Amino acid sequence: MKMPIISVVMPVCHVEKYMRTAVDSVLQQTCQYFELICVHDGNSGDVLRMLASYDDQRIRVINQANPGLAAAINTGIHSARGEFIAFLDANDCYEPEKLLLHLKHLLSNPEIGVSYCPSLFIDEEGNQTGLGQYPQLQNINLKQVMCRNPVGNRSAAVIRRATLESMQPYTQKNEFGHYCYFDESLQQSEQNDLWMRISLNTDWRFEGIEMPLTFYRVDRELLSTDLGEQFSYWQRSMERHLLNHPHKVKPWLSLAKAYQLRYLARRAVKCGNPFTAIGYVFHAITTNIRILWEEPVKTFVTVATAFLGLLPETLYQRLERMAIRRISKRSISV
């Protein structure tokens, strides 16, 4: 096996339902110089048997007892041999050209530290929903990183190893002696926290490529995390950044909080909790009213869908399907 150029890190904890699709999407890449590092928590023999069914030397399996998601990813990064690190959550999957196009992007632009792309949403059966994440691709500054998370989701990102290494002075080590690039004390918002640290402490650029190359799975069961807890972790992360970089963070903090609350309102809608969604969206508006004129359409749609969630479920689902059909040909960031 040749030395890989790209290492794909995939935590495989409690994700048997979708994992074969994820693994296959990596093995079918047009770029052949990769390794797939699957970090397993040891709780399911079915996962190990499934991985063992592949006769492919590019797959490496690491067992680490109950590490948690962030710790599993950090273990994968620590074991990676590639110059570039890609991430893939086991419920998501790639287009066949993803690694090759990101590799070309990064090699052609040595000042870019994080390359990413739009993501298309798929449902539990793998069907496209007509929606997606279409982030800003260029001219990313601290405001975009704080308020809009331009990367979108972890599976969209390919990061330069040198970028991670430049973060080591600002990164703690865990009990295994690995750098915690993804903060293991944060059970949510750990990826946003890393993008913030890169933006605040280095000159590495964030830049995306136009083509959607990642499929992001929207599964109601996967979405049903404690939204209050998620907000609490986001606040904890921001408080640390405010303490370390008050002059950079403070000007955008209330606006970032408003956008985060609006995001949680959309999550509550998807989870079927309209009253929670209404509470979050009005909290967002009162936190910083600028979201009404910075992104009026998206804020109005969030308010409308929150109230529509109060309708009988069959009627709401019918209206939701109609809306999806109407916008399926438009680039909508959700």
Protein backbone atom coordinates (compact mmCIF):
# COMPACT_ATOMS: atom_id res chain seq x y z
CA MET A 1 0.00 0.00 0.00
CA LYS A 2 1.33 3.44 -0.98
CA MET A 3 1.55 6.20 1.60
CA PRO A 4 -1.83 7.96 1.63
CA ILE A 5 -2.14 11.63 0.72
CA ILE A 6 -5.52 12.01 2.41
CA SER A 7 -6.65 10.33 5.63
CA VAL A 8 -10.42 10.01 6.09
CA VAL A 9 -11.35 9.85 9.78
CA MET A 10 -14.66 8.18 10.57
CA PRO A 11 -15.94 7.48 14.13
CA VAL A 12 -18.08 4.35 14.06
CA CYS A 13 -20.06 4.42 17.30
CA HIS A 14 -23.68 3.14 17.24
CA VAL A 15 -24.11 3.79 13.51
CA GLU A 16 -24.55 0.34 11.97
CA LYS A 17 -27.67 1.50 10.11
CA TYR A 18 -25.81 3.72 7.62
CA MET A 19 -22.18 2.77 7.94
CA ARG A 20 -21.82 0.51 4.92
CA THR A 21 -23.06 3.32 2.68
CA ALA A 22 -20.49 5.66 4.21
CA VAL A 23 -17.60 3.20 3.84
CA ASP A 24 -18.55 2.36 0.25
CA SER A 25 -18.64 6.06 -0.66
CA VAL A 26 -15.01 6.38 0.47
CA LEU A 27 -13.80 3.24 -1.29
CA GLN A 28 -15.42 4.43 -4.52
CA GLN A 29 -13.41 7.68 -4.61
CA THR A 30 -11.70 8.58 -7.87
CA CYS A 31 -8.68 9.63 -5.80
CA GLN A 32 -6.95 6.39 -4.81
CA TYR A 33 -4.25 7.64 -2.44
CA PHE A 34 -6.25 7.64 0.77
CA GLU A 35 -6.70 5.68 3.94
CA LEU A 36 -9.96 5.25 5.84
CA ILE A 37 -9.47 5.27 9.62
CA CYS A 38 -12.48 3.83 11.45
CA VAL A 39 -12.36 4.51 15.20
CA HIS A 40 -14.60 2.04 17.06
CA ASP A 41 -15.72 2.27 20.67
CA GLY A 42 -15.81 -1.50 21.20
CA ASN A 43 -19.51 -1.65 22.00
CA SER A 44 -20.72 -3.51 18.92
CA GLY A 45 -19.23 -6.64 17.41
CA ASP A 46 -21.54 -6.17 14.41
CA VAL A 47 -19.61 -3.08 13.36
CA LEU A 48 -16.29 -4.92 13.53
CA ARG A 49 -17.69 -7.86 11.55
CA MET A 50 -19.01 -5.52 8.90
CA LEU A 51 -15.63 -3.77 8.58
CA ALA A 52 -13.84 -7.12 8.51
CA SER A 53 -15.95 -8.10 5.48
CA TYR A 54 -14.01 -5.59 3.37
CA ASP A 55 -10.82 -6.94 1.83
CA ASP A 56 -9.20 -3.56 1.40
CA GLN A 57 -5.87 -2.55 2.94
CA ARG A 58 -6.85 1.11 2.85
CA ILE A 59 -9.23 0.53 5.77
CA ARG A 60 -7.68 0.78 9.22
CA VAL A 61 -9.71 0.00 12.33
CA ILE A 62 -8.76 1.43 15.73
CA ASN A 63 -10.46 0.19 18.88
CA GLN A 64 -10.71 2.61 21.77
CA ALA A 65 -13.04 1.84 24.66
CA ASN A 66 -15.97 4.27 24.78
CA PRO A 67 -14.00 7.36 23.75
CA GLY A 68 -16.87 9.68 22.85
CA LEU A 69 -17.24 11.30 19.44
CA ALA A 70 -14.64 14.09 19.78
CA ALA A 71 -12.08 11.76 21.35
CA ALA A 72 -12.63 9.21 18.58
CA ILE A 73 -11.97 11.85 15.94
CA ASN A 74 -8.85 13.05 17.76
CA THR A 75 -7.59 9.45 17.90
CA GLY A 76 -8.14 9.17 14.16
CA ILE A 77 -6.23 12.40 13.50
CA HIS A 78 -3.38 11.22 15.76
CA SER A 79 -3.13 7.99 13.72
CA ALA A 80 -3.49 9.63 10.31
CA ARG A 81 -0.59 9.45 7.87
CA GLY A 82 -1.89 11.76 5.17
CA GLU A 83 -0.93 15.36 4.53
CA PHE A 84 -4.62 16.20 4.46
CA ILE A 85 -7.38 15.07 6.85
CA ALA A 86 -10.98 14.53 5.75
CA PHE A 87 -13.86 13.79 8.10
CA LEU A 88 -16.89 11.61 7.52
CA ASP A 89 -19.61 10.94 10.06
CA ALA A 90 -20.85 7.41 9.52
CA ASN A 91 -24.41 8.50 8.73
CA ASP A 92 -23.19 10.72 5.85
CA CYS A 93 -21.50 9.86 2.55
CA TYR A 94 -19.42 11.31 -0.27
CA GLU A 95 -19.73 11.93 -4.00
CA PRO A 96 -17.05 9.88 -5.85
CA GLU A 97 -14.97 12.95 -6.79
CA LYS A 98 -14.96 14.61 -3.38
CA LEU A 99 -11.42 13.80 -2.23
CA LEU A 100 -9.86 14.47 -5.63
CA LEU A 101 -11.47 17.91 -6.00
CA HIS A 102 -10.57 18.97 -2.46
CA LEU A 103 -7.02 17.75 -3.00
CA LYS A 104 -6.72 19.86 -6.16
CA HIS A 105 -8.19 22.82 -4.31
CA LEU A 106 -5.73 22.62 -1.44
CA LEU A 107 -2.66 21.89 -3.58
CA SER A 108 -3.46 24.85 -5.84
CA ASN A 109 -3.97 27.23 -2.90
CA PRO A 110 -1.30 26.73 -0.20
CA GLU A 111 -2.78 29.49 1.97
CA ILE A 112 -6.07 27.59 2.43
CA GLY A 113 -6.20 25.61 5.67
CA VAL A 114 -9.80 24.33 5.51
CA SER A 115 -11.47 23.33 2.25
CA TYR A 116 -15.18 22.56 2.25
CA CYS A 117 -18.19 22.27 -0.05
CA PRO A 118 -21.98 22.52 -0.12
CA SER A 119 -23.87 19.49 1.20
CA LEU A 120 -27.09 17.93 -0.08
CA PHE A 121 -29.59 16.60 2.47
CA ILE A 122 -30.72 12.98 2.25
CA ASP A 123 -33.37 11.20 4.30
CA GLU A 124 -33.23 7.90 6.20
CA GLU A 125 -33.54 5.94 2.92
CA GLY A 126 -30.83 7.94 1.17
CA ASN A 127 -33.20 9.96 -1.01
CA GLN A 128 -32.38 13.62 -1.63
CA THR A 129 -34.84 15.96 0.10
CA GLY A 130 -34.31 18.88 -2.26
CA LEU A 131 -32.61 20.93 0.45
CA GLY A 132 -29.02 21.46 1.40
CA GLN A 133 -26.35 23.62 2.96
CA TYR A 134 -24.90 26.17 0.54
CA PRO A 135 -22.39 28.17 2.59
CA GLN A 136 -20.42 31.22 1.58
CA LEU A 137 -17.35 29.95 -0.25
CA GLN A 138 -14.90 32.87 -0.22
CA ASN A 139 -13.86 35.92 1.79
CA ILE A 140 -14.52 34.19 5.10
CA ASN A 141 -13.80 36.31 8.15
CA LEU A 142 -14.36 35.92 11.88
CA LYS A 143 -17.94 37.15 11.64
CA GLN A 144 -18.85 34.38 9.17
CA VAL A 145 -17.15 31.75 11.31
CA MET A 146 -18.93 32.92 14.49
CA CYS A 147 -22.36 33.55 13.03
CA ARG A 148 -22.76 31.29 10.02
CA ASN A 149 -20.36 28.31 10.40
CA PRO A 150 -19.34 28.42 6.72
CA VAL A 151 -18.10 24.82 6.75
CA GLY A 152 -21.67 23.66 7.41
CA ASN A 153 -20.96 20.20 8.82
CA ARG A 154 -17.87 18.16 9.67
CA SER A 155 -18.29 15.75 6.72
CA ALA A 156 -17.93 18.67 4.30
CA ALA A 157 -14.43 19.56 5.49
CA VAL A 158 -10.95 18.57 4.35
CA ILE A 159 -8.23 20.19 6.44
CA ARG A 160 -4.51 20.55 5.92
CA ARG A 161 -2.36 18.69 8.50
CA ALA A 162 -0.19 21.81 8.84
CA THR A 163 -3.28 23.74 9.90
CA LEU A 164 -3.91 21.31 12.75
CA GLU A 165 -0.27 21.37 13.76
CA SER A 166 -0.38 25.16 13.96
CA MET A 167 -3.17 24.77 16.53
CA GLN A 168 -1.08 22.74 18.98
CA PRO A 169 -0.04 25.74 21.16
CA TYR A 170 -3.77 26.43 21.68
CA THR A 171 -4.80 22.81 22.19
CA GLN A 172 -4.82 20.58 25.27
CA LYS A 173 -3.89 16.91 25.33
CA ASN A 174 -6.18 14.12 26.49
CA GLU A 175 -5.45 11.11 28.69
CA PHE A 176 -3.97 9.25 25.71
CA GLY A 177 -1.49 12.06 25.02
CA HIS A 178 -3.33 13.11 21.85
CA TYR A 179 -3.96 16.74 21.01
CA CYS A 180 -7.66 17.58 21.46
CA TYR A 181 -8.15 19.42 18.19
CA PHE A 182 -11.83 18.75 18.73
CA ASP A 183 -12.50 19.78 22.34
CA GLU A 184 -13.47 16.59 24.19
CA SER A 185 -15.21 18.53 26.97
CA LEU A 186 -17.79 19.72 24.44
CA GLN A 187 -20.33 17.05 23.54
CA GLN A 188 -21.85 19.48 21.04
CA SER A 189 -20.40 22.40 19.02
CA GLU A 190 -16.91 20.86 19.06
CA GLN A 191 -16.44 21.39 15.31
CA ASN A 192 -17.52 25.05 15.46
CA ASP A 193 -15.10 25.46 18.36
CA LEU A 194 -12.20 24.23 16.21
CA TRP A 195 -13.09 26.56 13.32
CA MET A 196 -13.17 29.43 15.83
CA ARG A 197 -9.74 28.57 17.21
CA ILE A 198 -8.27 28.39 13.71
CA SER A 199 -9.83 31.72 12.77
CA LEU A 200 -8.76 33.48 15.98
CA ASN A 201 -5.21 32.14 16.27
CA THR A 202 -3.88 31.57 12.73
CA ASP A 203 -3.78 33.12 9.27
CA TRP A 204 -5.05 29.98 7.52
CA ARG A 205 -7.92 30.68 5.12
CA PHE A 206 -11.30 28.97 4.91
CA GLU A 207 -12.50 28.51 1.35
CA GLY A 208 -15.11 26.28 -0.28
CA ILE A 209 -15.56 24.74 -3.71
CA GLU A 210 -18.81 25.23 -5.55
CA MET A 211 -19.87 21.66 -6.27
CA PRO A 212 -21.93 19.79 -3.62
CA LEU A 213 -19.80 16.75 -2.77
CA THR A 214 -21.20 15.64 0.58
CA PHE A 215 -24.51 14.01 1.42
CA TYR A 216 -25.69 14.99 4.91
CA ARG A 217 -28.29 12.63 6.36
CA VAL A 218 -31.29 14.19 8.09
CA ASP A 219 -32.62 11.53 10.45
CA ARG A 220 -35.17 12.63 13.05
CA GLU A 221 -33.67 10.20 15.55
CA LEU A 222 -30.21 11.70 14.98
CA LEU A 223 -31.61 15.22 15.29
CA SER A 224 -33.36 14.57 18.60
CA THR A 225 -30.56 15.75 20.86
CA ASP A 226 -31.22 17.97 23.85
CA LEU A 227 -31.33 21.40 22.22
CA GLY A 228 -30.90 23.19 25.53
CA GLU A 229 -27.77 21.18 26.21
CA GLN A 230 -26.49 21.92 22.72
CA PHE A 231 -26.96 25.66 23.31
CA SER A 232 -25.19 25.34 26.66
CA TYR A 233 -22.12 23.80 24.99
CA TRP A 234 -22.13 26.53 22.33
CA GLN A 235 -22.20 29.19 25.06
CA ARG A 236 -19.37 27.49 26.94
CA SER A 237 -17.21 27.49 23.83
CA MET A 238 -17.95 31.15 23.09
CA GLU A 239 -17.23 32.19 26.68
CA ARG A 240 -13.73 30.69 26.37
CA HIS A 241 -13.07 32.51 23.12
CA LEU A 242 -14.37 35.76 24.62
CA LEU A 243 -12.00 35.35 27.56
CA ASN A 244 -8.99 34.73 25.30
CA HIS A 245 -9.85 37.20 22.50
CA PRO A 246 -12.26 39.78 23.94
CA HIS A 247 -11.65 42.49 21.33
CA LYS A 248 -12.18 40.10 18.42
CA VAL A 249 -15.14 38.14 19.77
CA LYS A 250 -17.26 40.72 21.62
CA PRO A 251 -18.37 42.76 18.56
CA TRP A 252 -20.08 39.72 17.00
CA LEU A 253 -21.14 37.74 20.07
CA SER A 254 -24.80 38.79 20.38
CA LEU A 255 -25.35 38.41 16.63
CA ALA A 256 -23.73 34.96 16.72
CA LYS A 257 -26.00 34.03 19.63
CA ALA A 258 -29.06 35.12 17.65
CA TYR A 259 -28.04 33.00 14.68
CA GLN A 260 -27.39 30.02 16.94
CA LEU A 261 -30.84 30.37 18.52
CA ARG A 262 -32.43 30.56 15.07
CA TYR A 263 -30.57 27.40 14.07
CA LEU A 264 -31.91 25.64 17.18
CA ALA A 265 -35.42 26.80 16.23
CA ARG A 266 -35.03 25.03 12.87
CA ARG A 267 -33.78 21.92 14.63
CA ALA A 268 -36.84 22.01 16.90
CA VAL A 269 -39.11 22.25 13.85
CA LYS A 270 -37.46 19.19 12.30
CA CYS A 271 -37.87 17.31 15.59
CA GLY A 272 -41.58 18.14 15.68
CA ASN A 273 -41.41 20.55 18.66
CA PRO A 274 -43.19 23.70 17.43
CA PHE A 275 -43.57 25.39 20.83
CA THR A 276 -39.83 24.99 21.46
CA ALA A 277 -39.13 26.33 17.96
CA ILE A 278 -41.31 29.41 18.56
CA GLY A 279 -39.50 30.10 21.82
CA TYR A 280 -36.08 29.86 20.21
CA VAL A 281 -36.89 32.02 17.20
CA PHE A 282 -38.32 34.86 19.29
CA HIS A 283 -35.38 34.59 21.68
CA ALA A 284 -33.15 34.96 18.61
CA ILE A 285 -34.92 38.11 17.41
CA THR A 286 -34.83 39.75 20.84
CA THR A 287 -31.16 38.82 21.26
CA ASN A 288 -30.13 40.71 18.13
CA ILE A 289 -32.75 42.16 15.82
CA ARG A 290 -30.16 42.46 13.02
CA ILE A 291 -31.07 38.94 11.86
CA LEU A 292 -34.34 40.45 10.57
CA TRP A 293 -32.57 42.62 7.99
CA GLU A 294 -29.36 40.66 7.49
CA GLU A 295 -31.28 37.51 6.50
CA PRO A 296 -34.98 38.46 6.42
CA VAL A 297 -36.16 35.58 4.22
CA LYS A 298 -34.55 32.84 6.28
CA THR A 299 -35.68 34.40 9.56
CA PHE A 300 -39.26 34.76 8.28
CA VAL A 301 -39.26 31.17 7.00
CA THR A 302 -38.07 29.98 10.42
CA VAL A 303 -40.90 31.88 12.14
CA ALA A 304 -43.46 30.58 9.64
CA THR A 305 -42.40 26.94 9.86
CA ALA A 306 -42.38 27.12 13.66
CA PHE A 307 -46.03 28.25 13.67
CA LEU A 308 -46.96 25.81 10.91
CA GLY A 309 -45.75 23.07 13.22
CA LEU A 310 -48.80 23.78 15.38
CA LEU A 311 -51.03 22.48 12.58
CA PRO A 312 -52.18 18.84 12.48
CA GLU A 313 -49.21 16.71 11.47
CA THR A 314 -50.73 15.45 8.20
CA LEU A 315 -51.47 19.01 7.02
CA TYR A 316 -48.05 20.24 8.10
CA GLN A 317 -46.31 17.40 6.26
CA ARG A 318 -48.33 18.15 3.11
CA LEU A 319 -47.35 21.85 3.23
CA GLU A 320 -43.73 20.89 3.95
CA ARG A 321 -43.61 18.61 0.90
CA MET A 322 -45.10 21.37 -1.27
CA ALA A 323 -42.47 23.82 -0.03
CA ILE A 324 -39.65 21.36 -0.70
CA ARG A 325 -40.87 20.82 -4.28
CA ARG A 326 -41.02 24.58 -4.85
CA ILE A 327 -37.46 25.21 -3.70
CA SER A 328 -35.84 21.98 -4.90
CA LYS A 329 -34.16 23.83 -7.80
CA ARG A 330 -32.93 26.68 -5.62
CA SER A 331 -29.80 26.86 -3.49
CA ILE A 332 -31.15 27.03 0.05
CA SER A 333 -28.93 26.96 3.14
CA VAL A 334 -30.85 25.34 6.00
